[in-house]
């Protein structure tokens, strides 16, 4: 599974509608409204790298009101659960 974090600049007056349109896309698992330089962050999960082209420039960028995207492909995922397992020495309290 390939995970991409897509930072999205939008028309500010249409953020909720744009977020809902992006969230409705099949490969998008979450959309967050955020503060800062970007308006939305979308988590995209696909089977192959080539599929990113269908989702990001092929779908997200074509939604009315999306002005720009900046995509970051994840190398590895870490979660709190993974970190606890990595640092555990196997002793139960």
PDB file of N, CA and C in Angstrom:
ATOM      1  N   UNK A   1       0.847  -1.174   0.000  1.00  0.00           N
ATOM      2  CA  UNK A   1       0.000   0.000   0.000  1.00  0.00           C
ATOM      3  C   UNK A   1       0.893   1.237   0.000  1.00  0.00           C
ATOM      4  N   UNK A   2       0.633   2.163  -0.903  1.00  0.00           N
ATOM      5  CA  UNK A   2       1.355   3.431  -1.002  1.00  0.00           C
ATOM      6  C   UNK A   2       0.499   4.504  -0.335  1.00  0.00           C
ATOM      7  N   UNK A   3       1.112   5.270   0.572  1.00  0.00           N
ATOM      8  CA  UNK A   3       0.403   6.359   1.234  1.00  0.00           C
ATOM      9  C   UNK A   3       1.005   7.677   0.792  1.00  0.00           C
ATOM     10  N   UNK A   4       0.145   8.600   0.399  1.00  0.00           N
ATOM     11  CA  UNK A   4       0.579   9.948   0.036  1.00  0.00           C
ATOM     12  C   UNK A   4      -0.178  10.952   0.888  1.00  0.00           C
ATOM     13  N   UNK A   5       0.544  11.966   1.342  1.00  0.00           N
ATOM     14  CA  UNK A   5      -0.047  13.070   2.084  1.00  0.00           C
ATOM     15  C   UNK A   5      -0.109  14.231   1.094  1.00  0.00           C
ATOM     16  N   UNK A   6      -1.322  14.702   0.824  1.00  0.00           N
ATOM     17  CA  UNK A   6      -1.502  15.748  -0.188  1.00  0.00           C
ATOM     18  C   UNK A   6      -1.935  17.036   0.504  1.00  0.00           C
ATOM     19  N   UNK A   7      -1.074  18.050   0.417  1.00  0.00           N
ATOM     20  CA  UNK A   7      -1.370  19.369   0.959  1.00  0.00           C
ATOM     21  C   UNK A   7      -2.085  20.148  -0.137  1.00  0.00           C
ATOM     22  N   UNK A   8      -3.204  20.770   0.192  1.00  0.00           N
ATOM     23  CA  UNK A   8      -4.069  21.351  -0.836  1.00  0.00           C
ATOM     24  C   UNK A   8      -4.415  22.797  -0.514  1.00  0.00           C
ATOM     25  N   UNK A   9      -4.185  23.694  -1.477  1.00  0.00           N
ATOM     26  CA  UNK A   9      -4.636  25.082  -1.385  1.00  0.00           C
ATOM     27  C   UNK A   9      -5.958  25.165  -2.142  1.00  0.00           C
ATOM     28  N   UNK A  10      -6.928  25.852  -1.542  1.00  0.00           N
ATOM     29  CA  UNK A  10      -8.259  25.928  -2.149  1.00  0.00           C
ATOM     30  C   UNK A  10      -8.787  27.356  -2.128  1.00  0.00           C
ATOM     31  N   UNK A  11      -9.923  27.537  -2.775  1.00  0.00           N
ATOM     32  CA  UNK A  11     -10.690  28.762  -2.629  1.00  0.00           C
ATOM     33  C   UNK A  11     -11.225  28.749  -1.203  1.00  0.00           C
ATOM     34  N   UNK A  12     -10.882  29.756  -0.423  1.00  0.00           N
ATOM     35  CA  UNK A  12     -11.223  29.764   0.997  1.00  0.00           C
ATOM     36  C   UNK A  12     -12.728  29.708   1.237  1.00  0.00           C
ATOM     37  N   UNK A  13     -13.508  30.289   0.363  1.00  0.00           N
ATOM     38  CA  UNK A  13     -14.960  30.324   0.557  1.00  0.00           C
ATOM     39  C   UNK A  13     -15.640  28.994   0.247  1.00  0.00           C
ATOM     40  N   UNK A  14     -14.876  28.008  -0.251  1.00  0.00           N
ATOM     41  CA  UNK A  14     -15.469  26.714  -0.622  1.00  0.00           C
ATOM     42  C   UNK A  14     -14.815  25.526   0.081  1.00  0.00           C
ATOM     43  N   UNK A  15     -14.082  25.770   1.151  1.00  0.00           N
ATOM     44  CA  UNK A  15     -13.337  24.690   1.818  1.00  0.00           C
ATOM     45  C   UNK A  15     -14.225  23.498   2.175  1.00  0.00           C
ATOM     46  N   UNK A  16     -15.378  23.681   2.828  1.00  0.00           N
ATOM     47  CA  UNK A  16     -16.185  22.498   3.185  1.00  0.00           C
ATOM     48  C   UNK A  16     -16.645  21.680   1.977  1.00  0.00           C
ATOM     49  N   UNK A  17     -17.082  22.349   0.930  1.00  0.00           N
ATOM     50  CA  UNK A  17     -17.554  21.637  -0.274  1.00  0.00           C
ATOM     51  C   UNK A  17     -16.405  20.905  -0.965  1.00  0.00           C
ATOM     52  N   UNK A  18     -15.258  21.559  -1.034  1.00  0.00           N
ATOM     53  CA  UNK A  18     -14.093  20.932  -1.671  1.00  0.00           C
ATOM     54  C   UNK A  18     -13.634  19.725  -0.849  1.00  0.00           C
ATOM     55  N   UNK A  19     -13.603  19.885   0.464  1.00  0.00           N
ATOM     56  CA  UNK A  19     -13.201  18.775   1.342  1.00  0.00           C
ATOM     57  C   UNK A  19     -14.126  17.579   1.166  1.00  0.00           C
ATOM     58  N   UNK A  20     -15.422  17.820   1.085  1.00  0.00           N
ATOM     59  CA  UNK A  20     -16.377  16.726   0.894  1.00  0.00           C
ATOM     60  C   UNK A  20     -16.179  16.043  -0.456  1.00  0.00           C
ATOM     61  N   UNK A  21     -15.899  16.820  -1.500  1.00  0.00           N
ATOM     62  CA  UNK A  21     -15.655  16.235  -2.830  1.00  0.00           C
ATOM     63  C   UNK A  21     -14.406  15.368  -2.830  1.00  0.00           C
ATOM     64  N   UNK A  22     -13.370  15.847  -2.168  1.00  0.00           N
ATOM     65  CA  UNK A  22     -12.120  15.073  -2.096  1.00  0.00           C
ATOM     66  C   UNK A  22     -12.333  13.807  -1.268  1.00  0.00           C
ATOM     67  N   UNK A  23     -13.017  13.932  -0.133  1.00  0.00           N
ATOM     68  CA  UNK A  23     -13.258  12.784   0.749  1.00  0.00           C
ATOM     69  C   UNK A  23     -14.078  11.698   0.060  1.00  0.00           C
ATOM     70  N   UNK A  24     -14.876  12.077  -0.922  1.00  0.00           N
ATOM     71  CA  UNK A  24     -15.710  11.107  -1.637  1.00  0.00           C
ATOM     72  C   UNK A  24     -14.913  10.264  -2.640  1.00  0.00           C
ATOM     73  N   UNK A  25     -13.687  10.654  -2.935  1.00  0.00           N
ATOM     74  CA  UNK A  25     -12.873   9.890  -3.883  1.00  0.00           C
ATOM     75  C   UNK A  25     -12.464   8.556  -3.256  1.00  0.00           C
ATOM     76  N   UNK A  26     -12.459   7.522  -4.058  1.00  0.00           N
ATOM     77  CA  UNK A  26     -12.243   6.160  -3.574  1.00  0.00           C
ATOM     78  C   UNK A  26     -10.931   5.964  -2.812  1.00  0.00           C
ATOM     79  N   UNK A  27      -9.844   6.522  -3.268  1.00  0.00           N
ATOM     80  CA  UNK A  27      -8.542   6.286  -2.647  1.00  0.00           C
ATOM     81  C   UNK A  27      -8.210   7.259  -1.525  1.00  0.00           C
ATOM     82  N   UNK A  28      -9.092   8.189  -1.242  1.00  0.00           N
ATOM     83  CA  UNK A  28      -8.862   9.162  -0.173  1.00  0.00           C
ATOM     84  C   UNK A  28      -9.474   8.608   1.106  1.00  0.00           C
ATOM     85  N   UNK A  29      -8.642   8.467   2.153  1.00  0.00           N
ATOM     86  CA  UNK A  29      -9.132   7.892   3.408  1.00  0.00           C
ATOM     87  C   UNK A  29      -9.529   8.948   4.426  1.00  0.00           C
ATOM     88  N   UNK A  30      -8.879  10.099   4.414  1.00  0.00           N
ATOM     89  CA  UNK A  30      -9.218  11.200   5.319  1.00  0.00           C
ATOM     90  C   UNK A  30      -8.926  12.518   4.645  1.00  0.00           C
ATOM     91  N   UNK A  31      -9.666  13.541   5.050  1.00  0.00           N
ATOM     92  CA  UNK A  31      -9.382  14.918   4.643  1.00  0.00           C
ATOM     93  C   UNK A  31      -9.477  15.773   5.896  1.00  0.00           C
ATOM     94  N   UNK A  32      -8.458  16.587   6.118  1.00  0.00           N
ATOM     95  CA  UNK A  32      -8.416  17.450   7.292  1.00  0.00           C
ATOM     96  C   UNK A  32      -8.408  18.906   6.859  1.00  0.00           C
ATOM     97  N   UNK A  33      -9.201  19.727   7.502  1.00  0.00           N
ATOM     98  CA  UNK A  33      -9.140  21.174   7.343  1.00  0.00           C
ATOM     99  C   UNK A  33      -8.095  21.647   8.342  1.00  0.00           C
ATOM    100  N   UNK A  34      -7.117  22.438   7.883  1.00  0.00           N
ATOM    101  CA  UNK A  34      -5.990  22.807   8.733  1.00  0.00           C
ATOM    102  C   UNK A  34      -5.680  24.300   8.664  1.00  0.00           C
ATOM    103  N   UNK A  35      -4.878  24.758   9.621  1.00  0.00           N
ATOM    104  CA  UNK A  35      -4.383  26.124   9.590  1.00  0.00           C
ATOM    105  C   UNK A  35      -3.041  26.137   8.874  1.00  0.00           C
ATOM    106  N   UNK A  36      -2.585  27.316   8.491  1.00  0.00           N
ATOM    107  CA  UNK A  36      -1.266  27.439   7.878  1.00  0.00           C
ATOM    108  C   UNK A  36      -1.341  27.739   6.395  1.00  0.00           C
ATOM    109  N   UNK A  37      -0.287  27.402   5.700  1.00  0.00           N
ATOM    110  CA  UNK A  37      -0.149  27.705   4.277  1.00  0.00           C
ATOM    111  C   UNK A  37      -1.187  26.982   3.426  1.00  0.00           C
ATOM    112  N   UNK A  38      -1.561  25.775   3.829  1.00  0.00           N
ATOM    113  CA  UNK A  38      -2.517  24.976   3.077  1.00  0.00           C
ATOM    114  C   UNK A  38      -3.859  24.967   3.793  1.00  0.00           C
ATOM    115  N   UNK A  39      -4.909  24.687   3.044  1.00  0.00           N
ATOM    116  CA  UNK A  39      -6.260  24.684   3.600  1.00  0.00           C
ATOM    117  C   UNK A  39      -6.731  23.288   3.991  1.00  0.00           C
ATOM    118  N   UNK A  40      -6.298  22.287   3.225  1.00  0.00           N
ATOM    119  CA  UNK A  40      -6.718  20.901   3.453  1.00  0.00           C
ATOM    120  C   UNK A  40      -5.518  19.981   3.357  1.00  0.00           C
ATOM    121  N   UNK A  41      -5.602  18.870   4.061  1.00  0.00           N
ATOM    122  CA  UNK A  41      -4.629  17.787   3.903  1.00  0.00           C
ATOM    123  C   UNK A  41      -5.430  16.513   3.654  1.00  0.00           C
ATOM    124  N   UNK A  42      -5.098  15.814   2.582  1.00  0.00           N
ATOM    125  CA  UNK A  42      -5.781  14.563   2.239  1.00  0.00           C
ATOM    126  C   UNK A  42      -4.791  13.406   2.357  1.00  0.00           C
ATOM    127  N   UNK A  43      -5.267  12.315   2.930  1.00  0.00           N
ATOM    128  CA  UNK A  43      -4.490  11.086   2.996  1.00  0.00           C
ATOM    129  C   UNK A  43      -4.981  10.191   1.857  1.00  0.00           C
ATOM    130  N   UNK A  44      -4.055   9.829   0.982  1.00  0.00           N
ATOM    131  CA  UNK A  44      -4.392   9.014  -0.187  1.00  0.00           C
ATOM    132  C   UNK A  44      -3.668   7.689  -0.066  1.00  0.00           C
ATOM    133  N   UNK A  45      -4.411   6.599  -0.234  1.00  0.00           N
ATOM    134  CA  UNK A  45      -3.802   5.268  -0.166  1.00  0.00           C
ATOM    135  C   UNK A  45      -4.158   4.496  -1.436  1.00  0.00           C
ATOM    136  N   UNK A  46      -3.110   4.039  -2.137  1.00  0.00           N
ATOM    137  CA  UNK A  46      -3.300   3.328  -3.408  1.00  0.00           C
ATOM    138  C   UNK A  46      -2.403   2.088  -3.433  1.00  0.00           C
ATOM    139  N   UNK A  47      -2.692   1.202  -4.350  1.00  0.00           N
ATOM    140  CA  UNK A  47      -1.919  -0.033  -4.464  1.00  0.00           C
ATOM    141  C   UNK A  47      -0.580   0.176  -5.180  1.00  0.00           C
ATOM    142  N   UNK A  48      -0.568   1.052  -6.188  1.00  0.00           N
ATOM    143  CA  UNK A  48       0.641   1.236  -7.004  1.00  0.00           C
ATOM    144  C   UNK A  48       0.958   2.725  -7.154  1.00  0.00           C
ATOM    145  N   UNK A  49       2.237   3.039  -7.343  1.00  0.00           N
ATOM    146  CA  UNK A  49       2.635   4.435  -7.546  1.00  0.00           C
ATOM    147  C   UNK A  49       1.893   5.069  -8.719  1.00  0.00           C
ATOM    148  N   UNK A  50       1.712   4.309  -9.788  1.00  0.00           N
ATOM    149  CA  UNK A  50       1.024   4.842 -10.965  1.00  0.00           C
ATOM    150  C   UNK A  50      -0.393   5.306 -10.634  1.00  0.00           C
ATOM    151  N   UNK A  51      -1.010   4.694  -9.637  1.00  0.00           N
ATOM    152  CA  UNK A  51      -2.375   5.065  -9.252  1.00  0.00           C
ATOM    153  C   UNK A  51      -2.444   6.476  -8.674  1.00  0.00           C
ATOM    154  N   UNK A  52      -1.323   6.971  -8.139  1.00  0.00           N
ATOM    155  CA  UNK A  52      -1.311   8.334  -7.603  1.00  0.00           C
ATOM    156  C   UNK A  52      -1.652   9.355  -8.684  1.00  0.00           C
ATOM    157  N   UNK A  53      -1.215   9.094  -9.911  1.00  0.00           N
ATOM    158  CA  UNK A  53      -1.509  10.018 -11.015  1.00  0.00           C
ATOM    159  C   UNK A  53      -3.006  10.091 -11.295  1.00  0.00           C
ATOM    160  N   UNK A  54      -3.696   8.985 -11.132  1.00  0.00           N
ATOM    161  CA  UNK A  54      -5.141   8.992 -11.345  1.00  0.00           C
ATOM    162  C   UNK A  54      -5.859   9.778 -10.256  1.00  0.00           C
ATOM    163  N   UNK A  55      -5.364   9.694  -9.034  1.00  0.00           N
ATOM    164  CA  UNK A  55      -6.046  10.322  -7.906  1.00  0.00           C
ATOM    165  C   UNK A  55      -5.697  11.802  -7.771  1.00  0.00           C
ATOM    166  N   UNK A  56      -4.405  12.147  -7.814  1.00  0.00           N
ATOM    167  CA  UNK A  56      -4.013  13.525  -7.487  1.00  0.00           C
ATOM    168  C   UNK A  56      -4.197  14.450  -8.692  1.00  0.00           C
ATOM    169  N   UNK A  57      -3.387  14.361  -9.738  1.00  0.00           N
ATOM    170  CA  UNK A  57      -3.669  15.261 -10.862  1.00  0.00           C
ATOM    171  C   UNK A  57      -4.933  14.868 -11.628  1.00  0.00           C
ATOM    172  N   UNK A  58      -5.274  13.592 -11.592  1.00  0.00           N
ATOM    173  CA  UNK A  58      -6.431  13.127 -12.349  1.00  0.00           C
ATOM    174  C   UNK A  58      -7.774  13.412 -11.714  1.00  0.00           C
ATOM    175  N   UNK A  59      -7.821  13.557 -10.386  1.00  0.00           N
ATOM    176  CA  UNK A  59      -9.103  13.779  -9.707  1.00  0.00           C
ATOM    177  C   UNK A  59      -9.076  14.986  -8.761  1.00  0.00           C
ATOM    178  N   UNK A  60      -8.175  14.954  -7.771  1.00  0.00           N
ATOM    179  CA  UNK A  60      -8.156  16.034  -6.778  1.00  0.00           C
ATOM    180  C   UNK A  60      -7.939  17.389  -7.439  1.00  0.00           C
ATOM    181  N   UNK A  61      -6.932  17.493  -8.285  1.00  0.00           N
ATOM    182  CA  UNK A  61      -6.605  18.783  -8.909  1.00  0.00           C
ATOM    183  C   UNK A  61      -7.690  19.297  -9.842  1.00  0.00           C
ATOM    184  N   UNK A  62      -8.571  18.421 -10.285  1.00  0.00           N
ATOM    185  CA  UNK A  62      -9.639  18.825 -11.199  1.00  0.00           C
ATOM    186  C   UNK A  62     -10.907  19.279 -10.490  1.00  0.00           C
ATOM    187  N   UNK A  63     -10.943  19.157  -9.161  1.00  0.00           N
ATOM    188  CA  UNK A  63     -12.120  19.603  -8.411  1.00  0.00           C
ATOM    189  C   UNK A  63     -12.144  21.125  -8.408  1.00  0.00           C
ATOM    190  N   UNK A  64     -13.297  21.689  -8.733  1.00  0.00           N
ATOM    191  CA  UNK A  64     -13.438  23.143  -8.799  1.00  0.00           C
ATOM    192  C   UNK A  64     -13.109  23.762  -7.445  1.00  0.00           C
ATOM    193  N   UNK A  65     -12.189  24.715  -7.454  1.00  0.00           N
ATOM    194  CA  UNK A  65     -11.771  25.380  -6.227  1.00  0.00           C
ATOM    195  C   UNK A  65     -10.420  24.927  -5.711  1.00  0.00           C
ATOM    196  N   UNK A  66      -9.906  23.795  -6.205  1.00  0.00           N
ATOM    197  CA  UNK A  66      -8.559  23.356  -5.833  1.00  0.00           C
ATOM    198  C   UNK A  66      -7.578  24.191  -6.639  1.00  0.00           C
ATOM    199  N   UNK A  67      -6.726  24.932  -5.941  1.00  0.00           N
ATOM    200  CA  UNK A  67      -5.795  25.842  -6.604  1.00  0.00           C
ATOM    201  C   UNK A  67      -4.404  25.249  -6.781  1.00  0.00           C
ATOM    202  N   UNK A  68      -3.960  24.423  -5.822  1.00  0.00           N
ATOM    203  CA  UNK A  68      -2.624  23.826  -5.908  1.00  0.00           C
ATOM    204  C   UNK A  68      -2.541  22.641  -4.960  1.00  0.00           C
ATOM    205  N   UNK A  69      -1.653  21.698  -5.294  1.00  0.00           N
ATOM    206  CA  UNK A  69      -1.389  20.555  -4.412  1.00  0.00           C
ATOM    207  C   UNK A  69       0.113  20.393  -4.243  1.00  0.00           C
ATOM    208  N   UNK A  70       0.502  19.821  -3.124  1.00  0.00           N
ATOM    209  CA  UNK A  70       1.892  19.495  -2.834  1.00  0.00           C
ATOM    210  C   UNK A  70       1.856  18.096  -2.225  1.00  0.00           C
ATOM    211  N   UNK A  71       2.425  17.121  -2.918  1.00  0.00           N
ATOM    212  CA  UNK A  71       2.291  15.720  -2.524  1.00  0.00           C
ATOM    213  C   UNK A  71       3.563  15.180  -1.904  1.00  0.00           C
ATOM    214  N   UNK A  72       3.395  14.455  -0.799  1.00  0.00           N
ATOM    215  CA  UNK A  72       4.502  13.806  -0.109  1.00  0.00           C
ATOM    216  C   UNK A  72       4.177  12.320  -0.016  1.00  0.00           C
ATOM    217  N   UNK A  73       5.046  11.469  -0.564  1.00  0.00           N
ATOM    218  CA  UNK A  73       4.840  10.024  -0.511  1.00  0.00           C
ATOM    219  C   UNK A  73       5.559   9.486   0.718  1.00  0.00           C
ATOM    220  N   UNK A  74       4.849   8.708   1.516  1.00  0.00           N
ATOM    221  CA  UNK A  74       5.413   8.149   2.748  1.00  0.00           C
ATOM    222  C   UNK A  74       6.323   6.968   2.438  1.00  0.00           C
ATOM    223  N   UNK A  75       7.464   6.924   3.116  1.00  0.00           N
ATOM    224  CA  UNK A  75       8.365   5.774   3.016  1.00  0.00           C
ATOM    225  C   UNK A  75       7.942   4.671   3.971  1.00  0.00           C
ATOM    226  N   UNK A  76       7.617   5.069   5.201  1.00  0.00           N
ATOM    227  CA  UNK A  76       7.325   4.115   6.262  1.00  0.00           C
ATOM    228  C   UNK A  76       6.330   4.772   7.212  1.00  0.00           C
ATOM    229  N   UNK A  77       5.459   3.980   7.792  1.00  0.00           N
ATOM    230  CA  UNK A  77       4.483   4.504   8.746  1.00  0.00           C
ATOM    231  C   UNK A  77       4.850   4.053  10.150  1.00  0.00           C
ATOM    232  N   UNK A  78       4.709   4.965  11.083  1.00  0.00           N
ATOM    233  CA  UNK A  78       4.939   4.667  12.501  1.00  0.00           C
ATOM    234  C   UNK A  78       3.680   5.043  13.256  1.00  0.00           C
ATOM    235  N   UNK A  79       3.343   4.259  14.238  1.00  0.00           N
ATOM    236  CA  UNK A  79       2.207   4.599  15.090  1.00  0.00           C
ATOM    237  C   UNK A  79       2.662   4.465  16.533  1.00  0.00           C
ATOM    238  N   UNK A  80       1.873   4.964  17.459  1.00  0.00           N
ATOM    239  CA  UNK A  80       2.214   4.838  18.870  1.00  0.00           C
ATOM    240  C   UNK A  80       2.384   3.366  19.244  1.00  0.00           C
ATOM    241  N   UNK A  81       1.522   2.523  18.701  1.00  0.00           N
ATOM    242  CA  UNK A  81       1.611   1.086  18.965  1.00  0.00           C
ATOM    243  C   UNK A  81       2.952   0.535  18.490  1.00  0.00           C
ATOM    244  N   UNK A  82       3.396   0.929  17.284  1.00  0.00           N
ATOM    245  CA  UNK A  82       4.669   0.457  16.746  1.00  0.00           C
ATOM    246  C   UNK A  82       5.833   0.914  17.617  1.00  0.00           C
ATOM    247  N   UNK A  83       5.789   2.158  18.093  1.00  0.00           N
ATOM    248  CA  UNK A  83       6.870   2.681  18.917  1.00  0.00           C
ATOM    249  C   UNK A  83       6.948   1.964  20.256  1.00  0.00           C
ATOM    250  N   UNK A  84       5.813   1.663  20.853  1.00  0.00           N
ATOM    251  CA  UNK A  84       5.804   0.931  22.119  1.00  0.00           C
ATOM    252  C   UNK A  84       6.422  -0.451  21.943  1.00  0.00           C
ATOM    253  N   UNK A  85       6.095  -1.121  20.850  1.00  0.00           N
ATOM    254  CA  UNK A  85       6.654  -2.455  20.590  1.00  0.00           C
ATOM    255  C   UNK A  85       8.156  -2.383  20.348  1.00  0.00           C
ATOM    256  N   UNK A  86       8.594  -1.343  19.647  1.00  0.00           N
ATOM    257  CA  UNK A  86      10.012  -1.218  19.329  1.00  0.00           C
ATOM    258  C   UNK A  86      10.867  -0.988  20.570  1.00  0.00           C
ATOM    259  N   UNK A  87      10.331  -0.277  21.554  1.00  0.00           N
ATOM    260  CA  UNK A  87      11.099   0.040  22.759  1.00  0.00           C
ATOM    261  C   UNK A  87      10.816  -0.884  23.928  1.00  0.00           C
ATOM    262  N   UNK A  88       9.927  -1.828  23.747  1.00  0.00           N
ATOM    263  CA  UNK A  88       9.597  -2.756  24.821  1.00  0.00           C
ATOM    264  C   UNK A  88      10.730  -3.771  24.982  1.00  0.00           C
ATOM    265  N   UNK A  89      11.061  -4.087  26.255  1.00  0.00           N
ATOM    266  CA  UNK A  89      12.071  -5.127  26.495  1.00  0.00           C
ATOM    267  C   UNK A  89      11.425  -6.429  26.938  1.00  0.00           C
ATOM    268  N   UNK A  90      10.085  -6.467  26.819  1.00  0.00           N
ATOM    269  CA  UNK A  90       9.397  -7.711  27.082  1.00  0.00           C
ATOM    270  C   UNK A  90       9.041  -7.974  28.523  1.00  0.00           C
ATOM    271  N   UNK A  91       9.212  -6.999  29.381  1.00  0.00           N
ATOM    272  CA  UNK A  91       8.859  -7.191  30.792  1.00  0.00           C
ATOM    273  C   UNK A  91       7.471  -6.683  31.055  1.00  0.00           C
ATOM    274  N   UNK A  92       6.667  -7.464  31.731  1.00  0.00           N
ATOM    275  CA  UNK A  92       5.316  -7.030  32.118  1.00  0.00           C
ATOM    276  C   UNK A  92       5.395  -6.372  33.487  1.00  0.00           C
ATOM    277  N   UNK A  93       4.650  -5.304  33.663  1.00  0.00           N
ATOM    278  CA  UNK A  93       4.661  -4.588  34.959  1.00  0.00           C
ATOM    279  C   UNK A  93       3.839  -5.322  35.979  1.00  0.00           C
TER     280      UNK A  93
END
